[in-house]
């Protein structure tokens, strides 16, 4: 695991009172355009899910915090796309990754607004999918429907996979 993620996990273990807020911050970073390229939040969420398997942390606090953070970050990114249009794609670091924009545009063409739901789970779409939803003129209620589904599902599934992995490791360890 990345050293940054390891330090965050250690911090969370030592400061459990702040755990839900930390999850809000990491999920916000993971779903905010620009930040999602720079901050490895998905591995942190999976690792924290593994900690929840030990009973050290509450899975439900994790899920609620991550859902709120995902809603904040993705909605802010939608607003950026709506407000500034394609000019945000010319800013760093997105201008250095035109393949993300091309693949996201192709996904919108193929899957329509379900791309927003899919975007929560794919690294290649996440930095731009919410921006492009705002740029496309998609109505806010339509965006929030698909985005809400994606936020709730992503905030549950990613840590739950980590929790499942933690349970599996604990089970294997108990065999020895």
Protein backbone atom coordinates (compact mmCIF):
# COMPACT_ATOMS: atom_id res chain seq x y z
CA UNK A 1 0.00 0.00 0.00
CA UNK A 2 1.15 3.51 -0.70
CA UNK A 3 3.00 5.14 2.25
CA UNK A 4 0.54 8.05 2.26
CA UNK A 5 -2.39 5.65 2.66
CA UNK A 6 -0.56 3.75 5.42
CA UNK A 7 0.00 7.00 7.34
CA UNK A 8 -3.67 7.92 7.00
CA UNK A 9 -4.77 4.49 8.26
CA UNK A 10 -2.46 4.86 11.27
CA UNK A 11 -3.85 8.35 11.93
CA UNK A 12 -7.43 7.04 11.77
CA UNK A 13 -6.62 4.25 14.22
CA UNK A 14 -5.19 6.78 16.67
CA UNK A 15 -7.95 9.37 16.21
CA UNK A 16 -11.18 7.41 15.94
CA UNK A 17 -13.25 10.35 17.17
CA UNK A 18 -12.47 12.09 13.88
CA UNK A 19 -13.11 8.98 11.79
CA UNK A 20 -16.43 10.04 10.16
CA UNK A 21 -15.06 13.48 9.27
CA UNK A 22 -11.88 11.94 7.84
CA UNK A 23 -14.06 9.71 5.64
CA UNK A 24 -16.00 12.77 4.46
CA UNK A 25 -12.72 14.48 3.51
CA UNK A 26 -11.27 11.50 1.66
CA UNK A 27 -14.47 10.74 -0.22
CA UNK A 28 -14.79 14.42 -1.15
CA UNK A 29 -11.23 14.39 -2.50
CA UNK A 30 -11.84 11.16 -4.42
CA UNK A 31 -14.90 12.55 -6.21
CA UNK A 32 -13.69 16.12 -6.81
CA UNK A 33 -12.28 16.91 -10.22
CA UNK A 34 -8.52 17.50 -10.10
CA UNK A 35 -8.11 16.13 -6.54
CA UNK A 36 -9.16 12.62 -7.47
CA UNK A 37 -6.08 12.33 -9.68
CA UNK A 38 -3.76 13.39 -6.85
CA UNK A 39 -5.16 11.76 -3.68
CA UNK A 40 -5.38 7.94 -3.37
CA UNK A 41 -8.67 7.78 -1.49
CA UNK A 42 -10.05 4.50 -2.84
CA UNK A 43 -7.22 2.43 -1.29
CA UNK A 44 -7.78 4.27 2.00
CA UNK A 45 -11.50 3.46 1.94
CA UNK A 46 -10.78 -0.21 1.21
CA UNK A 47 -8.15 -0.36 3.96
CA UNK A 48 -10.49 1.29 6.45
CA UNK A 49 -13.10 -1.28 5.45
CA UNK A 50 -10.57 -3.96 6.42
CA UNK A 51 -10.18 -2.25 9.79
CA UNK A 52 -13.95 -2.37 10.20
CA UNK A 53 -13.67 -6.16 9.81
CA UNK A 54 -11.66 -6.23 13.04
CA UNK A 55 -14.31 -4.25 14.88
CA UNK A 56 -11.85 -1.38 15.44
CA UNK A 57 -14.05 1.00 13.44
CA UNK A 58 -17.75 1.24 12.70
CA UNK A 59 -18.62 0.28 9.13
CA UNK A 60 -21.77 2.39 9.28
CA UNK A 61 -19.84 5.53 10.27
CA UNK A 62 -17.52 4.82 7.37
CA UNK A 63 -20.41 4.39 4.94
CA UNK A 64 -22.26 7.52 6.05
CA UNK A 65 -19.09 9.67 6.03
CA UNK A 66 -18.00 8.38 2.62
CA UNK A 67 -21.48 8.89 1.14
CA UNK A 68 -21.64 12.50 2.36
CA UNK A 69 -18.13 13.19 1.08
CA UNK A 70 -18.88 11.64 -2.31
CA UNK A 71 -22.00 13.79 -2.62
CA UNK A 72 -20.03 16.93 -1.78
CA UNK A 73 -17.16 16.27 -4.19
CA UNK A 74 -19.18 15.07 -7.15
CA UNK A 75 -21.77 17.82 -6.81
CA UNK A 76 -19.04 20.46 -6.59
CA UNK A 77 -17.45 18.99 -9.73
CA UNK A 78 -20.82 19.08 -11.52
CA UNK A 79 -21.12 22.75 -10.55
CA UNK A 80 -17.60 23.47 -11.88
CA UNK A 81 -18.54 21.91 -15.22
CA UNK A 82 -21.86 23.76 -15.33
CA UNK A 83 -20.29 27.10 -14.36
CA UNK A 84 -17.03 27.04 -16.32
CA UNK A 85 -17.77 24.66 -19.18
CA UNK A 86 -14.98 23.19 -21.25
CA UNK A 87 -12.42 25.72 -19.98
CA UNK A 88 -11.87 23.50 -16.91
CA UNK A 89 -10.61 20.72 -19.18
CA UNK A 90 -7.75 23.00 -20.26
CA UNK A 91 -6.45 23.29 -16.70
CA UNK A 92 -3.78 21.09 -15.14
CA UNK A 93 -3.82 18.19 -14.43
CA UNK A 94 -6.79 17.39 -16.72
CA UNK A 95 -5.18 18.92 -19.81
CA UNK A 96 -2.39 16.38 -19.39
CA UNK A 97 -4.90 13.49 -19.57
CA UNK A 98 -7.02 14.00 -22.72
CA UNK A 99 -7.69 10.25 -22.86
CA UNK A 100 -9.86 10.59 -19.75
CA UNK A 101 -12.04 13.15 -21.49
CA UNK A 102 -12.31 11.09 -24.68
CA UNK A 103 -13.23 7.89 -22.85
CA UNK A 104 -15.77 9.69 -20.68
CA UNK A 105 -17.40 11.31 -23.72
CA UNK A 106 -17.61 7.90 -25.39
CA UNK A 107 -19.18 6.42 -22.24
CA UNK A 108 -21.79 9.21 -22.10
CA UNK A 109 -22.63 8.51 -25.74
CA UNK A 110 -22.95 4.77 -25.10
CA UNK A 111 -24.51 4.64 -21.61
CA UNK A 112 -26.06 8.08 -21.12
CA UNK A 113 -26.48 9.31 -17.54
CA UNK A 114 -25.70 5.84 -16.14
CA UNK A 115 -22.09 6.89 -16.86
CA UNK A 116 -22.31 8.97 -13.68
CA UNK A 117 -23.05 5.83 -11.65
CA UNK A 118 -20.28 3.92 -13.46
CA UNK A 119 -17.93 6.88 -13.00
CA UNK A 120 -17.86 6.42 -9.24
CA UNK A 121 -16.19 3.03 -9.73
CA UNK A 122 -13.72 3.77 -12.54
CA UNK A 123 -10.49 5.64 -12.10
CA UNK A 124 -10.42 6.75 -15.72
CA UNK A 125 -13.86 8.44 -15.55
CA UNK A 126 -13.99 9.78 -11.99
CA UNK A 127 -11.86 12.93 -12.51
CA UNK A 128 -14.01 14.16 -15.41
CA UNK A 129 -17.42 12.46 -15.41
CA UNK A 130 -19.04 14.88 -12.96
CA UNK A 131 -17.52 17.88 -14.75
CA UNK A 132 -18.85 16.63 -18.07
CA UNK A 133 -22.32 16.08 -16.64
CA UNK A 134 -22.36 19.76 -15.68
CA UNK A 135 -20.92 20.83 -19.05
CA UNK A 136 -23.50 18.80 -20.96
CA UNK A 137 -26.41 20.78 -19.61
CA UNK A 138 -27.80 17.77 -17.74
CA UNK A 139 -30.43 18.98 -15.30
CA UNK A 140 -29.43 19.03 -11.67
CA UNK A 141 -32.25 16.67 -10.55
CA UNK A 142 -31.26 14.11 -13.20
CA UNK A 143 -27.63 14.40 -12.20
CA UNK A 144 -28.47 14.01 -8.51
CA UNK A 145 -30.55 10.89 -9.16
CA UNK A 146 -27.69 9.06 -10.87
CA UNK A 147 -25.06 10.63 -8.65
CA UNK A 148 -26.94 9.75 -5.45
CA UNK A 149 -27.14 6.11 -6.55
CA UNK A 150 -23.43 6.15 -7.35
CA UNK A 151 -22.41 7.81 -4.08
CA UNK A 152 -24.37 5.40 -1.90
CA UNK A 153 -23.21 2.34 -3.85
CA UNK A 154 -19.55 3.38 -4.07
CA UNK A 155 -19.35 4.36 -0.39
CA UNK A 156 -20.74 0.94 0.52
CA UNK A 157 -19.05 -1.40 -1.97
CA UNK A 158 -15.44 -0.17 -1.83
CA UNK A 159 -15.11 -0.37 1.99
CA UNK A 160 -17.20 -3.56 2.04
CA UNK A 161 -14.68 -5.19 -0.31
CA UNK A 162 -11.95 -4.14 2.13
CA UNK A 163 -14.00 -5.52 5.01
CA UNK A 164 -14.52 -8.78 3.15
CA UNK A 165 -10.77 -8.96 2.48
CA UNK A 166 -10.07 -8.30 6.17
CA UNK A 167 -12.52 -11.03 7.18
CA UNK A 168 -10.91 -13.45 4.73
CA UNK A 169 -7.40 -12.69 5.99
CA UNK A 170 -8.59 -13.11 9.59
CA UNK A 171 -10.16 -16.45 8.73
CA UNK A 172 -7.03 -17.69 6.94
CA UNK A 173 -4.84 -16.47 9.82
CA UNK A 174 -7.02 -18.38 12.30
CA UNK A 175 -6.26 -21.61 10.46
CA UNK A 176 -2.62 -21.38 11.48
